[in-house]
C-alpha atoms as a PDB file:
ATOM      1  CA  MET A   1      22.434   9.951 -59.745  1.00  0.00           C
ATOM      2  CA  ASN A   2      26.014  10.766 -58.166  1.00  0.00           C
ATOM      3  CA  LYS A   3      26.933  12.555 -55.685  1.00  0.00           C
ATOM      4  CA  GLU A   4      28.308  15.806 -57.161  1.00  0.00           C
ATOM      5  CA  SER A   5      24.419  16.108 -59.314  1.00  0.00           C
ATOM      6  CA  LYS A   6      22.698  15.552 -56.109  1.00  0.00           C
ATOM      7  CA  ASP A   7      24.586  18.395 -53.927  1.00  0.00           C
ATOM      8  CA  ALA A   8      24.030  20.900 -57.230  1.00  0.00           C
ATOM      9  CA  LEU A   9      20.294  20.138 -57.122  1.00  0.00           C
ATOM     10  CA  ARG A  10      20.276  20.881 -53.451  1.00  0.00           C
ATOM     11  CA  ALA A  11      22.204  24.114 -53.633  1.00  0.00           C
ATOM     12  CA  SER A  12      20.103  24.892 -57.074  1.00  0.00           C
ATOM     13  CA  THR A  13      16.613  24.275 -54.692  1.00  0.00           C
ATOM     14  CA  ARG A  14      18.452  26.177 -51.869  1.00  0.00           C
ATOM     15  CA  TYR A  15      18.789  29.223 -54.126  1.00  0.00           C
ATOM     16  CA  LEU A  16      15.334  28.836 -55.596  1.00  0.00           C
ATOM     17  CA  LEU A  17      13.775  29.059 -52.195  1.00  0.00           C
ATOM     18  CA  VAL A  18      15.748  31.808 -51.177  1.00  0.00           C
ATOM     19  CA  ALA A  19      14.606  33.721 -54.458  1.00  0.00           C
ATOM     20  CA  VAL A  20      10.990  32.949 -53.948  1.00  0.00           C
ATOM     21  CA  LEU A  21      11.141  34.149 -50.262  1.00  0.00           C
ATOM     22  CA  VAL A  22      12.732  37.367 -51.216  1.00  0.00           C
ATOM     23  CA  ALA A  23       9.854  37.808 -53.671  1.00  0.00           C
ATOM     24  CA  VAL A  24       7.356  36.962 -51.510  1.00  0.00           C
ATOM     25  CA  ALA A  25       9.164  39.580 -48.913  1.00  0.00           C
ATOM     26  CA  THR A  26       8.823  42.327 -51.683  1.00  0.00           C
ATOM     27  CA  THR A  27       5.507  41.668 -52.476  1.00  0.00           C
ATOM     28  CA  ILE A  28       3.979  41.812 -49.187  1.00  0.00           C
ATOM     29  CA  SER A  29       6.138  45.193 -48.139  1.00  0.00           C
ATOM     30  CA  SER A  30       5.257  46.624 -51.477  1.00  0.00           C
ATOM     31  CA  PHE A  31       1.449  45.789 -50.674  1.00  0.00           C
ATOM     32  CA  VAL A  32       1.376  47.535 -47.468  1.00  0.00           C
ATOM     33  CA  VAL A  33       2.950  50.809 -48.810  1.00  0.00           C
ATOM     34  CA  LEU A  34       0.383  50.638 -51.175  1.00  0.00           C
ATOM     35  CA  SER A  35      -2.841  49.774 -48.743  1.00  0.00           C
ATOM     36  CA  GLN A  36      -1.445  52.928 -46.686  1.00  0.00           C
ATOM     37  CA  PHE A  37      -1.259  55.312 -50.243  1.00  0.00           C
ATOM     38  CA  LEU A  38      -4.648  54.181 -50.731  1.00  0.00           C
ATOM     39  CA  GLY A  39      -5.767  54.252 -47.052  1.00  0.00           C
ATOM     40  CA  LEU A  40      -6.341  50.547 -46.450  1.00  0.00           C
ATOM     41  CA  SER A  41      -4.206  50.377 -44.012  1.00  0.00           C
ATOM     42  CA  ASP A  42      -5.146  51.015 -40.238  1.00  0.00           C
ATOM     43  CA  GLU A  43      -1.614  52.724 -39.875  1.00  0.00           C
ATOM     44  CA  THR A  44      -2.883  55.430 -41.823  1.00  0.00           C
ATOM     45  CA  THR A  45      -3.880  58.718 -39.522  1.00  0.00           C
ATOM     46  CA  GLU A  46      -4.492  61.331 -41.478  1.00  0.00           C
ATOM     47  CA  PRO A  47      -6.761  61.696 -44.857  1.00  0.00           C
ATOM     48  CA  LEU A  48      -5.343  61.404 -47.873  1.00  0.00           C
ATOM     49  CA  ASP A  49      -7.749  63.617 -49.683  1.00  0.00           C
ATOM     50  CA  PRO A  50      -6.987  67.073 -50.373  1.00  0.00           C
ATOM     51  CA  THR A  51      -7.769  69.978 -48.651  1.00  0.00           C
ATOM     52  CA  VAL A  52      -9.800  72.646 -50.475  1.00  0.00           C
ATOM     53  CA  ARG A  53      -9.650  75.875 -47.960  1.00  0.00           C
ATOM     54  CA  ASP A  54      -8.861  76.177 -44.563  1.00  0.00           C
ATOM     55  CA  GLY A  55      -7.859  72.631 -43.304  1.00  0.00           C
ATOM     56  CA  VAL A  56     -11.353  71.635 -44.846  1.00  0.00           C
ATOM     57  CA  TYR A  57     -11.140  67.997 -46.444  1.00  0.00           C
ATOM     58  CA  SER A  58     -12.955  67.163 -49.829  1.00  0.00           C
ATOM     59  CA  THR A  59     -13.832  63.503 -49.677  1.00  0.00           C
ATOM     60  CA  SER A  60     -16.553  61.145 -49.959  1.00  0.00           C
ATOM     61  CA  LEU A  61     -19.374  59.909 -47.677  1.00  0.00           C
ATOM     62  CA  VAL A  62     -18.132  56.368 -48.456  1.00  0.00           C
ATOM     63  CA  ARG A  63     -14.465  57.146 -47.774  1.00  0.00           C
ATOM     64  CA  ILE A  64     -15.825  58.782 -44.042  1.00  0.00           C
ATOM     65  CA  ILE A  65     -17.755  55.747 -43.222  1.00  0.00           C
ATOM     66  CA  ALA A  66     -15.115  53.269 -44.277  1.00  0.00           C
ATOM     67  CA  ASN A  67     -12.668  55.256 -42.262  1.00  0.00           C
ATOM     68  CA  PRO A  68     -14.335  57.208 -39.560  1.00  0.00           C
ATOM     69  CA  GLU A  69     -11.217  57.434 -36.932  1.00  0.00           C
ATOM     70  CA  ILE A  70      -9.060  59.025 -39.614  1.00  0.00           C
ATOM     71  CA  TYR A  71     -11.937  61.911 -40.170  1.00  0.00           C
ATOM     72  CA  ALA A  72     -12.609  62.074 -36.510  1.00  0.00           C
ATOM     73  CA  GLY A  73     -12.629  65.673 -35.559  1.00  0.00           C
ATOM     74  CA  LYS A  74     -11.800  66.970 -38.781  1.00  0.00           C
ATOM     75  CA  ARG A  75     -13.775  69.648 -41.217  1.00  0.00           C
ATOM     76  CA  VAL A  76     -14.892  67.518 -44.151  1.00  0.00           C
ATOM     77  CA  LEU A  77     -16.692  68.605 -47.368  1.00  0.00           C
ATOM     78  CA  PHE A  78     -18.963  65.890 -49.161  1.00  0.00           C
ATOM     79  CA  ILE A  79     -22.126  65.554 -51.163  1.00  0.00           C
ATOM     80  CA  ALA A  80     -24.965  63.461 -49.708  1.00  0.00           C
ATOM     81  CA  TYR A  81     -28.393  62.597 -49.680  1.00  0.00           C
ATOM     82  CA  LEU A  82     -29.990  64.431 -46.862  1.00  0.00           C
ATOM     83  CA  LYS A  83     -33.236  63.065 -45.559  1.00  0.00           C
ATOM     84  CA  THR A  84     -35.213  65.022 -42.925  1.00  0.00           C
ATOM     85  CA  GLY A  85     -38.118  63.669 -41.032  1.00  0.00           C
ATOM     86  CA  PHE A  86     -39.725  62.726 -37.444  1.00  0.00           C
ATOM     87  CA  GLU A  87     -36.797  61.785 -35.611  1.00  0.00           C
ATOM     88  CA  GLU A  88     -34.378  61.461 -38.385  1.00  0.00           C
ATOM     89  CA  LYS A  89     -31.718  63.731 -40.052  1.00  0.00           C
ATOM     90  CA  GLY A  90     -29.647  62.023 -41.969  1.00  0.00           C
ATOM     91  CA  LEU A  91     -27.083  61.985 -44.782  1.00  0.00           C
ATOM     92  CA  TYR A  92     -27.054  58.944 -46.811  1.00  0.00           C
ATOM     93  CA  ILE A  93     -24.783  57.592 -49.443  1.00  0.00           C
ATOM     94  CA  SER A  94     -28.067  57.339 -51.952  1.00  0.00           C
ATOM     95  CA  ALA A  95     -31.362  58.058 -51.934  1.00  0.00           C
ATOM     96  CA  ASP A  96     -32.029  54.566 -51.792  1.00  0.00           C
ATOM     97  CA  ASP A  97     -30.283  54.006 -48.455  1.00  0.00           C
ATOM     98  CA  ALA A  98     -32.301  56.627 -47.175  1.00  0.00           C
ATOM     99  CA  ASN A  99     -35.638  54.962 -48.217  1.00  0.00           C
ATOM    100  CA  LEU A 100     -34.362  51.941 -46.625  1.00  0.00           C
ATOM    101  CA  LEU A 101     -33.174  53.879 -43.528  1.00  0.00           C
ATOM    102  CA  ASN A 102     -29.757  52.208 -44.134  1.00  0.00           C
ATOM    103  CA  THR A 103     -28.108  54.353 -41.092  1.00  0.00           C
ATOM    104  CA  LYS A 104     -24.749  52.016 -41.545  1.00  0.00           C
ATOM    105  CA  GLN A 105     -24.503  53.817 -44.704  1.00  0.00           C
ATOM    106  CA  ALA A 106     -25.201  57.172 -42.943  1.00  0.00           C
ATOM    107  CA  LEU A 107     -24.165  60.156 -40.384  1.00  0.00           C
ATOM    108  CA  TRP A 108     -26.245  61.553 -38.008  1.00  0.00           C
ATOM    109  CA  LEU A 109     -26.598  65.490 -39.030  1.00  0.00           C
ATOM    110  CA  GLY A 110     -25.941  67.438 -36.041  1.00  0.00           C
ATOM    111  CA  GLY A 111     -26.122  71.431 -34.842  1.00  0.00           C
ATOM    112  CA  LEU A 112     -25.480  74.212 -37.250  1.00  0.00           C
ATOM    113  CA  SER A 113     -22.980  76.648 -36.835  1.00  0.00           C
ATOM    114  CA  GLU A 114     -24.359  80.131 -36.656  1.00  0.00           C
ATOM    115  CA  GLY A 115     -25.727  82.059 -39.559  1.00  0.00           C
ATOM    116  CA  VAL A 116     -25.827  78.758 -41.638  1.00  0.00           C
ATOM    117  CA  ASP A 117     -29.326  79.057 -43.716  1.00  0.00           C
ATOM    118  CA  TRP A 118     -31.223  75.854 -42.887  1.00  0.00           C
ATOM    119  CA  SER A 119     -34.271  77.711 -45.049  1.00  0.00           C
ATOM    120  CA  LYS A 120     -32.265  76.913 -48.732  1.00  0.00           C
ATOM    121  CA  VAL A 121     -32.042  73.261 -47.981  1.00  0.00           C
ATOM    122  CA  SER A 122     -35.997  71.760 -48.270  1.00  0.00           C
ATOM    123  CA  GLY A 123     -37.143  68.326 -47.654  1.00  0.00           C
ATOM    124  CA  ASN A 124     -34.808  65.408 -49.022  1.00  0.00           C
ATOM    125  CA  GLY A 125     -32.447  65.681 -51.773  1.00  0.00           C
ATOM    126  CA  TYR A 126     -28.435  65.757 -52.422  1.00  0.00           C
ATOM    127  CA  VAL A 127     -26.449  68.477 -50.653  1.00  0.00           C
ATOM    128  CA  MET A 128     -23.132  69.362 -50.832  1.00  0.00           C
ATOM    129  CA  VAL A 129     -22.253  70.077 -46.807  1.00  0.00           C
ATOM    130  CA  VAL A 130     -19.330  71.410 -44.882  1.00  0.00           C
ATOM    131  CA  GLY A 131     -19.134  70.072 -40.864  1.00  0.00           C
ATOM    132  CA  THR A 132     -16.724  68.664 -38.121  1.00  0.00           C
ATOM    133  CA  LEU A 133     -17.088  64.681 -38.249  1.00  0.00           C
ATOM    134  CA  GLN A 134     -17.701  63.504 -34.262  1.00  0.00           C
ATOM    135  CA  TYR A 135     -16.656  59.499 -33.847  1.00  0.00           C
ATOM    136  CA  ALA A 136     -15.583  57.597 -30.949  1.00  0.00           C
ATOM    137  CA  PRO A 137     -14.904  54.097 -31.311  1.00  0.00           C
ATOM    138  CA  ASP A 138     -16.317  53.303 -27.875  1.00  0.00           C
ATOM    139  CA  LYS A 139     -19.450  55.198 -28.092  1.00  0.00           C
ATOM    140  CA  THR A 140     -22.534  52.852 -29.202  1.00  0.00           C
ATOM    141  CA  GLY A 141     -23.960  55.342 -31.512  1.00  0.00           C
ATOM    142  CA  TYR A 142     -25.310  58.960 -32.867  1.00  0.00           C
ATOM    143  CA  GLY A 143     -28.832  60.407 -33.126  1.00  0.00           C
ATOM    144  CA  HIS A 144     -31.835  58.744 -32.714  1.00  0.00           C
ATOM    145  CA  MET A 145     -31.594  55.664 -30.672  1.00  0.00           C
ATOM    146  CA  GLY A 146     -27.990  55.525 -31.357  1.00  0.00           C
ATOM    147  CA  LEU A 147     -28.119  53.882 -34.682  1.00  0.00           C
ATOM    148  CA  TRP A 148     -25.965  56.351 -36.935  1.00  0.00           C
ATOM    149  CA  LEU A 149     -22.091  55.628 -36.905  1.00  0.00           C
ATOM    150  CA  ALA A 150     -20.960  59.132 -36.592  1.00  0.00           C
ATOM    151  CA  GLU A 151     -22.330  62.615 -36.318  1.00  0.00           C
ATOM    152  CA  LEU A 152     -21.515  65.782 -38.564  1.00  0.00           C
ATOM    153  CA  THR A 153     -21.640  68.503 -36.321  1.00  0.00           C
ATOM    154  CA  ASN A 154     -20.651  72.478 -36.322  1.00  0.00           C
ATOM    155  CA  ILE A 155     -22.312  72.747 -40.230  1.00  0.00           C
ATOM    156  CA  GLU A 156     -20.601  75.612 -41.769  1.00  0.00           C
ATOM    157  CA  GLU A 157     -22.121  75.179 -44.752  1.00  0.00           C
ATOM    158  CA  ILE A 158     -25.052  72.895 -46.333  1.00  0.00           C
ATOM    159  CA  LEU A 159     -25.995  73.613 -50.163  1.00  0.00           C
ATOM    160  CA  PRO A 160     -28.676  72.215 -52.454  1.00  0.00           C
ATOM    161  CA  ARG A 161     -27.808  70.526 -55.410  1.00  0.00           C
ATOM    162  CA  HIS A 162     -28.903  73.155 -57.866  1.00  0.00           C
ATOM    163  CA  GLU A 163     -26.943  75.841 -55.708  1.00  0.00           C
ATOM    164  CA  MET A 164     -23.765  73.731 -55.577  1.00  0.00           C
ATOM    165  CA  TYR A 165     -23.786  73.384 -58.993  1.00  0.00           C
ATOM    166  CA  GLU A 166     -24.402  77.208 -59.882  1.00  0.00           C
ATOM    167  CA  ARG A 167     -21.451  77.792 -57.324  1.00  0.00           C
ATOM    168  CA  ARG A 168     -19.073  75.410 -59.195  1.00  0.00           C
ATOM    169  CA  LEU A 169     -19.896  77.316 -62.149  1.00  0.00           C
ATOM    170  CA  ASN A 170     -19.467  80.584 -60.863  1.00  0.00           C
ATOM    171  CA  GLU A 171     -16.026  79.614 -59.116  1.00  0.00           C
ATOM    172  CA  SER A 172     -14.814  78.210 -62.752  1.00  0.00           C
ATOM    173  CA  LYS A 173     -16.274  81.490 -64.610  1.00  0.00           C
ATOM    174  CA  PHE A 174     -13.929  83.416 -62.093  1.00  0.00           C
ATOM    175  CA  GLN A 175     -10.755  81.233 -62.661  1.00  0.00           C
ATOM    176  CA  ASN A 176     -10.961  81.359 -66.176  1.00  0.00           C
ATOM    177  CA  GLN A 177     -11.496  85.260 -65.842  1.00  0.00           C
ATOM    178  CA  SER A 178      -8.373  85.488 -63.278  1.00  0.00           C
ATOM    179  CA  ALA A 179      -6.272  83.047 -65.758  1.00  0.00           C
ATOM    180  CA  GLN A 180      -6.904  85.831 -68.556  1.00  0.00           C
ATOM    181  CA  VAL A 181      -6.261  88.757 -66.374  1.00  0.00           C
ATOM    182  CA  ASN A 182      -2.773  87.254 -64.991  1.00  0.00           C
ATOM    183  CA  PRO A 183      -1.342  85.244 -67.699  1.00  0.00           C
END
């Protein structure tokens, strides 16, 4: 191989290396932007969930447990499995988690706001709940013996499954009627 061929090979190798480095940098920056959009980055400080009314974030218990620091101090609405009993008031992801007392995938249910009707919720079952998330990373835990990751306080609304579905049905009927009246 002559000198000119070696120089051409070195130059093309350098160009190829630069192209690979540019591709890697572009991929990394795209991943950072995408992870922030999906809520996977620690740099996100605001929930990406839509607000439903009066600054209440409609989200899931899974998202809250995965990112409690983002929802700390915020009003949230979500569906969870409520289990109450002796020294237990937990909002769990599922009935299985509740039966296994898996408090790492649950929130402690704190105090109700004035006027909230607790009598509608009897025993255990799925509920829709609106409240304010309390979470502090330096705190050892919440609830009985500090077993829960965070606590939902200032409960504004808690509805059992059947009432939750009735409300959604009535709201959709109202929206359909409004759309017909105001075309």
